[in-house]
Protein backbone atom coordinates (compact mmCIF):
# COMPACT_ATOMS: atom_id res chain seq x y z
CA UNK A 1 154.66 66.23 15.01
CA UNK A 2 152.99 63.50 16.14
CA UNK A 3 155.51 60.55 18.05
CA UNK A 4 156.26 57.46 16.50
CA UNK A 5 153.55 54.57 17.37
CA UNK A 6 156.76 52.61 18.53
CA UNK A 7 158.16 55.81 20.75
CA UNK A 8 154.86 56.50 22.31
CA UNK A 9 154.08 52.70 23.01
CA UNK A 10 157.60 52.78 25.49
CA UNK A 11 156.47 55.79 27.08
CA UNK A 12 153.37 53.96 27.66
CA UNK A 13 155.13 51.15 29.02
CA UNK A 14 156.95 53.27 31.36
CA UNK A 15 154.05 54.86 33.01
CA UNK A 16 152.26 51.85 33.31
CA UNK A 17 155.29 50.21 35.10
CA UNK A 18 155.06 53.05 37.81
CA UNK A 19 151.86 52.81 38.07
CA UNK A 20 152.13 49.11 39.25
CA UNK A 21 154.94 49.79 41.19
CA UNK A 22 152.97 52.22 43.55
CA UNK A 23 149.82 50.10 43.25
CA UNK A 24 151.80 47.10 44.87
CA UNK A 25 152.73 49.47 47.90
CA UNK A 26 149.43 50.46 48.21
CA UNK A 27 148.26 46.65 48.55
CA UNK A 28 150.83 45.90 51.33
CA UNK A 29 149.08 48.80 53.40
CA UNK A 30 145.79 47.39 52.58
CA UNK A 31 147.07 44.15 53.38
CA UNK A 32 148.43 45.41 56.82
CA UNK A 33 144.80 46.83 57.35
CA UNK A 34 142.24 44.33 56.41
CA UNK A 35 141.63 42.66 59.81
CA UNK A 36 141.26 45.95 61.33
CA UNK A 37 138.35 47.30 59.20
CA UNK A 38 135.39 46.26 56.97
CA UNK A 39 136.11 45.60 53.72
CA UNK A 40 133.81 47.99 52.32
CA UNK A 41 135.48 50.90 54.77
CA UNK A 42 138.83 50.03 52.84
CA UNK A 43 137.60 50.34 49.35
CA UNK A 44 135.94 54.18 50.43
CA UNK A 45 139.14 55.16 51.64
CA UNK A 46 140.73 53.14 48.39
CA UNK A 47 138.66 55.47 46.03
CA UNK A 48 137.88 58.43 47.50
CA UNK A 49 140.92 60.08 48.16
CA UNK A 50 142.22 59.18 44.35
CA UNK A 51 140.82 62.22 43.27
CA UNK A 52 143.53 64.29 45.47
CA UNK A 53 147.00 64.13 43.53
CA UNK A 54 144.17 64.57 40.14
CA UNK A 55 142.76 67.67 42.00
CA UNK A 56 146.53 69.24 42.30
CA UNK A 57 147.89 68.32 38.97
CA UNK A 58 144.55 70.61 37.63
CA UNK A 59 144.97 73.35 39.89
CA UNK A 60 149.03 73.74 39.36
CA UNK A 61 148.23 73.65 35.25
CA UNK A 62 145.32 75.93 36.02
CA UNK A 63 142.53 73.70 34.91
CA UNK A 64 140.89 72.95 38.14
CA UNK A 65 138.16 75.47 36.84
CA UNK A 66 136.95 73.97 33.64
CA UNK A 67 136.83 70.14 34.58
CA UNK A 68 133.69 69.59 32.58
CA UNK A 69 132.76 66.01 30.56
CA UNK A 70 129.74 64.37 28.65
CA UNK A 71 130.82 60.86 29.16
CA UNK A 72 128.61 60.87 32.70
CA UNK A 73 126.88 57.32 31.68
CA UNK A 74 130.35 55.84 31.34
CA UNK A 75 131.55 57.57 34.60
CA UNK A 76 128.59 55.65 36.32
CA UNK A 77 129.53 52.17 35.24
CA UNK A 78 133.31 52.98 35.37
CA UNK A 79 132.80 53.95 39.48
CA UNK A 80 130.35 51.12 40.21
CA UNK A 81 132.72 48.57 38.74
CA UNK A 82 136.05 50.08 40.29
CA UNK A 83 134.21 49.83 43.77
CA UNK A 84 133.32 45.97 43.37
CA UNK A 85 136.01 44.76 41.70
CA UNK A 86 138.56 46.17 45.07
CA UNK A 87 135.89 44.56 47.57
CA UNK A 88 136.63 41.21 45.82
CA UNK A 89 140.61 42.44 45.36
CA UNK A 90 140.58 43.16 49.36
CA UNK A 91 138.48 39.93 50.49
CA UNK A 92 141.06 37.80 48.66
CA UNK A 93 144.08 39.75 50.33
CA UNK A 94 142.52 38.82 53.68
CA UNK A 95 142.64 34.69 52.72
CA UNK A 96 145.50 34.88 50.44
CA UNK A 97 149.46 35.56 50.09
CA UNK A 98 149.99 38.72 48.82
CA UNK A 99 151.90 36.99 45.75
CA UNK A 100 149.06 34.89 44.82
CA UNK A 101 146.00 37.89 45.35
CA UNK A 102 148.32 39.92 43.26
CA UNK A 103 149.44 37.52 40.58
CA UNK A 104 145.53 36.55 40.42
CA UNK A 105 144.11 40.02 39.89
CA UNK A 106 146.73 41.09 37.55
CA UNK A 107 145.69 38.37 35.21
CA UNK A 108 143.35 40.87 34.03
CA UNK A 109 144.99 41.13 30.59
CA UNK A 110 143.12 37.68 29.78
CA UNK A 111 140.18 40.11 29.94
CA UNK A 112 141.92 43.35 28.51
CA UNK A 113 142.47 41.31 24.93
CA UNK A 114 139.44 39.58 24.74
CA UNK A 115 137.18 42.63 25.26
CA UNK A 116 139.46 45.42 23.51
CA UNK A 117 138.00 43.99 20.05
CA UNK A 118 134.26 44.13 20.72
CA UNK A 119 134.71 47.30 23.36
CA UNK A 120 137.29 49.33 21.24
CA UNK A 121 137.35 47.84 18.13
CA UNK A 122 141.48 47.03 18.32
CA UNK A 123 142.04 44.05 16.40
CA UNK A 124 143.14 40.74 18.09
CA UNK A 125 145.09 38.12 16.09
CA UNK A 126 145.62 35.02 16.43
CA UNK A 127 149.12 34.72 18.29
CA UNK A 128 147.16 36.84 20.55
CA UNK A 129 144.44 34.25 21.28
CA UNK A 130 147.34 31.68 21.81
CA UNK A 131 149.19 33.69 24.42
CA UNK A 132 145.63 34.64 26.09
CA UNK A 133 145.07 30.65 26.40
CA UNK A 134 148.32 30.07 27.49
CA UNK A 135 148.52 32.82 30.14
CA UNK A 136 144.91 31.09 31.31
CA UNK A 137 146.85 28.34 32.27
CA UNK A 138 149.30 29.60 34.04
CA UNK A 139 146.25 31.29 36.36
CA UNK A 140 144.87 27.62 36.65
CA UNK A 141 148.36 26.73 37.90
CA UNK A 142 148.15 29.32 40.23
CA UNK A 143 145.04 28.61 41.69
CA UNK A 144 146.07 25.00 42.10
CA UNK A 145 142.20 23.64 42.00
CA UNK A 146 143.72 19.88 41.90
CA UNK A 147 145.20 20.16 45.64
CA UNK A 148 144.51 22.96 48.30
CA UNK A 149 142.42 24.69 46.30
CA UNK A 150 141.11 27.64 48.11
CA UNK A 151 138.12 29.39 47.13
CA UNK A 152 139.69 32.75 47.86
CA UNK A 153 141.24 32.25 44.76
CA UNK A 154 138.06 33.15 42.93
CA UNK A 155 137.91 36.97 44.22
CA UNK A 156 140.97 38.09 42.81
CA UNK A 157 140.07 36.59 39.71
CA UNK A 158 136.31 38.36 39.69
CA UNK A 159 138.59 41.47 40.54
CA UNK A 160 140.68 40.78 37.34
CA UNK A 161 137.42 40.65 35.19
CA UNK A 162 136.35 43.68 36.82
CA UNK A 163 140.11 45.88 36.35
CA UNK A 164 140.02 44.28 32.22
CA UNK A 165 136.88 46.20 31.98
CA UNK A 166 137.96 49.21 33.70
CA UNK A 167 141.19 49.29 32.02
CA UNK A 168 139.23 49.47 28.87
CA UNK A 169 136.40 51.95 29.37
CA UNK A 170 139.58 54.23 30.63
CA UNK A 171 141.21 53.86 27.19
CA UNK A 172 137.83 54.98 26.02
CA UNK A 173 137.09 57.87 27.81
CA UNK A 174 140.70 58.94 27.63
CA UNK A 175 139.80 59.96 24.25
CA UNK A 176 137.82 62.60 25.47
CA UNK A 177 138.93 63.81 29.03
CA UNK A 178 142.16 64.19 30.49
CA UNK A 179 144.09 61.62 33.05
CA UNK A 180 142.89 63.72 36.11
CA UNK A 181 139.54 64.17 34.74
CA UNK A 182 138.81 60.77 34.49
CA UNK A 183 140.38 60.03 37.90
CA UNK A 184 138.30 63.01 39.72
CA UNK A 185 135.13 61.84 37.78
CA UNK A 186 135.18 57.91 38.42
CA UNK A 187 136.57 58.60 42.18
CA UNK A 188 133.63 60.57 42.83
CA UNK A 189 130.92 57.92 41.40
CA UNK A 190 132.89 55.41 43.34
CA UNK A 191 133.24 57.21 46.75
CA UNK A 192 129.12 57.78 46.87
CA UNK A 193 128.61 53.85 46.01
CA UNK A 194 131.54 52.66 48.39
CA UNK A 195 130.13 55.14 51.28
CA UNK A 196 126.80 54.22 50.89
CA UNK A 197 128.08 50.16 51.51
CA UNK A 198 130.00 51.03 54.35
CA UNK A 199 127.82 52.94 56.48
CA UNK A 200 126.21 49.73 58.17
CA UNK A 201 129.42 48.01 59.38
CA UNK A 202 131.98 51.48 59.88
CA UNK A 203 134.78 51.34 62.41
CA UNK A 204 136.11 54.34 63.56
CA UNK A 205 139.43 54.60 62.64
CA UNK A 206 142.52 54.91 65.23
CA UNK A 207 145.48 57.75 64.86
CA UNK A 208 147.36 55.08 63.00
CA UNK A 209 144.33 53.96 61.06
CA UNK A 210 143.65 57.41 59.54
CA UNK A 211 147.20 57.46 58.66
CA UNK A 212 147.35 54.40 56.72
CA UNK A 213 143.74 54.85 55.01
CA UNK A 214 144.97 58.35 53.87
CA UNK A 215 148.27 57.12 52.71
CA UNK A 216 147.20 54.23 50.36
CA UNK A 217 143.92 56.20 49.26
CA UNK A 218 146.48 59.32 47.98
CA UNK A 219 149.18 56.81 46.83
CA UNK A 220 146.26 55.15 44.67
CA UNK A 221 145.71 58.13 43.28
CA UNK A 222 149.12 58.53 42.23
CA UNK A 223 149.76 55.02 40.55
CA UNK A 224 145.80 55.74 38.89
CA UNK A 225 147.28 58.93 36.94
CA UNK A 226 150.16 57.06 35.57
CA UNK A 227 148.02 54.13 34.44
CA UNK A 228 145.69 56.43 33.03
CA UNK A 229 148.55 58.43 30.85
CA UNK A 230 149.50 55.10 30.00
CA UNK A 231 146.45 54.28 27.97
CA UNK A 232 146.69 57.72 26.83
CA UNK A 233 149.78 56.90 25.16
CA UNK A 234 149.50 53.08 23.73
CA UNK A 235 146.69 50.56 22.47
CA UNK A 236 145.37 48.54 25.66
CA UNK A 237 147.60 45.54 24.53
CA UNK A 238 150.79 47.01 24.67
CA UNK A 239 150.37 48.76 28.36
CA UNK A 240 148.34 45.92 29.89
CA UNK A 241 151.12 43.07 30.01
CA UNK A 242 152.97 45.24 32.30
CA UNK A 243 150.62 44.54 34.91
CA UNK A 244 152.83 41.34 35.31
CA UNK A 245 155.27 43.09 36.78
CA UNK A 246 152.90 43.77 39.93
CA UNK A 247 153.29 40.22 40.41
CA UNK A 248 157.19 40.74 40.82
CA UNK A 249 156.19 43.35 43.09
CA UNK A 250 153.87 40.97 45.19
CA UNK A 251 156.12 38.37 45.97
CA UNK A 252 159.07 40.60 47.03
CA UNK A 253 157.00 42.52 49.22
CA UNK A 254 155.11 39.75 50.20
CA UNK A 255 158.17 38.30 51.79
CA UNK A 256 159.57 41.41 53.43
CA UNK A 257 156.73 42.65 54.46
CA UNK A 258 154.37 39.55 55.09
CA UNK A 259 157.54 36.56 55.46
CA UNK A 260 155.27 34.67 52.63
CA UNK A 261 157.26 32.31 50.87
CA UNK A 262 155.23 30.90 47.50
CA UNK A 263 154.84 27.56 47.10
CA UNK A 264 155.87 25.70 43.39
CA UNK A 265 152.52 25.53 41.83
CA UNK A 266 152.93 29.73 42.06
CA UNK A 267 156.34 29.54 40.57
CA UNK A 268 155.28 27.68 37.70
CA UNK A 269 151.83 29.66 37.00
CA UNK A 270 153.81 32.81 37.55
CA UNK A 271 156.40 32.20 34.63
CA UNK A 272 153.40 30.95 32.19
CA UNK A 273 151.85 33.79 32.70
CA UNK A 274 154.21 36.45 32.67
CA UNK A 275 155.88 34.81 29.39
CA UNK A 276 152.70 34.95 27.90
CA UNK A 277 152.21 38.77 28.46
CA UNK A 278 156.08 39.71 27.27
CA UNK A 279 154.87 37.71 23.96
CA UNK A 280 151.99 40.02 23.56
CA UNK A 281 154.37 42.95 24.01
CA UNK A 282 156.71 41.55 21.31
CA UNK A 283 153.64 40.41 19.00
CA UNK A 284 152.27 43.97 19.21
CA UNK A 285 155.57 45.54 18.29
CA UNK A 286 155.77 43.47 15.19
CA UNK A 287 152.40 44.20 14.01
CA UNK A 288 153.83 48.20 14.62
CA UNK A 289 156.34 47.60 12.17
């Protein structure tokens, strides 16, 4: 029997919340190493090792020898998109506080909702459009364009655009391939692309460097599995607003790891963003009812 829509939606929300906690921990590791290694090198380790948890999953279920897909062109787009968006995110981490960069990056819900109809055919109603516009106002407040505006704010916003596209591509591919298979194929493409880009500026890691690079690569792989499974369980507009939980973790981890205290405009903008995301969740539940 197929589970009820609401039940599957709740499972999707749970998987996404777990994924965002893991990604937030990964972001802390990245920010710790961003001044030690070139950005493309960090991107390579971020995307190259994510296939390890997926491969273990497939091996345990006896599916490792049956990996196949017909979505090669989509994986090409997905892999290059992922590589470029992480380059922008990591560059933003170098110049911005963790909470600010993370919150702006998680504004990808704006792009998810905008793209969900033309790419996936998922209906977007007027209430969702209003919520997205309000969320965009929150983004502007966080960026604080009228006082001390830092152009570095554009980097996490570039990530958000790519992330929105990536999330919807993942949602579409998930109709055909399992979460581990998706992770392995997009990781392969992203690894080749970012590996080529990092060659000119490669810096040989120290022992601690190898440990850090390995940890955030594998951690990202675990987070990717949870996120992909979230999009298999529920529509994009249901699970994507949970991305805002990453903003909360950004504040908490930024304070304890880097002694960063967000300014007033951050709190106001973040509140607007999170409120719009929560409204999108409630609106989707009402539609399903």
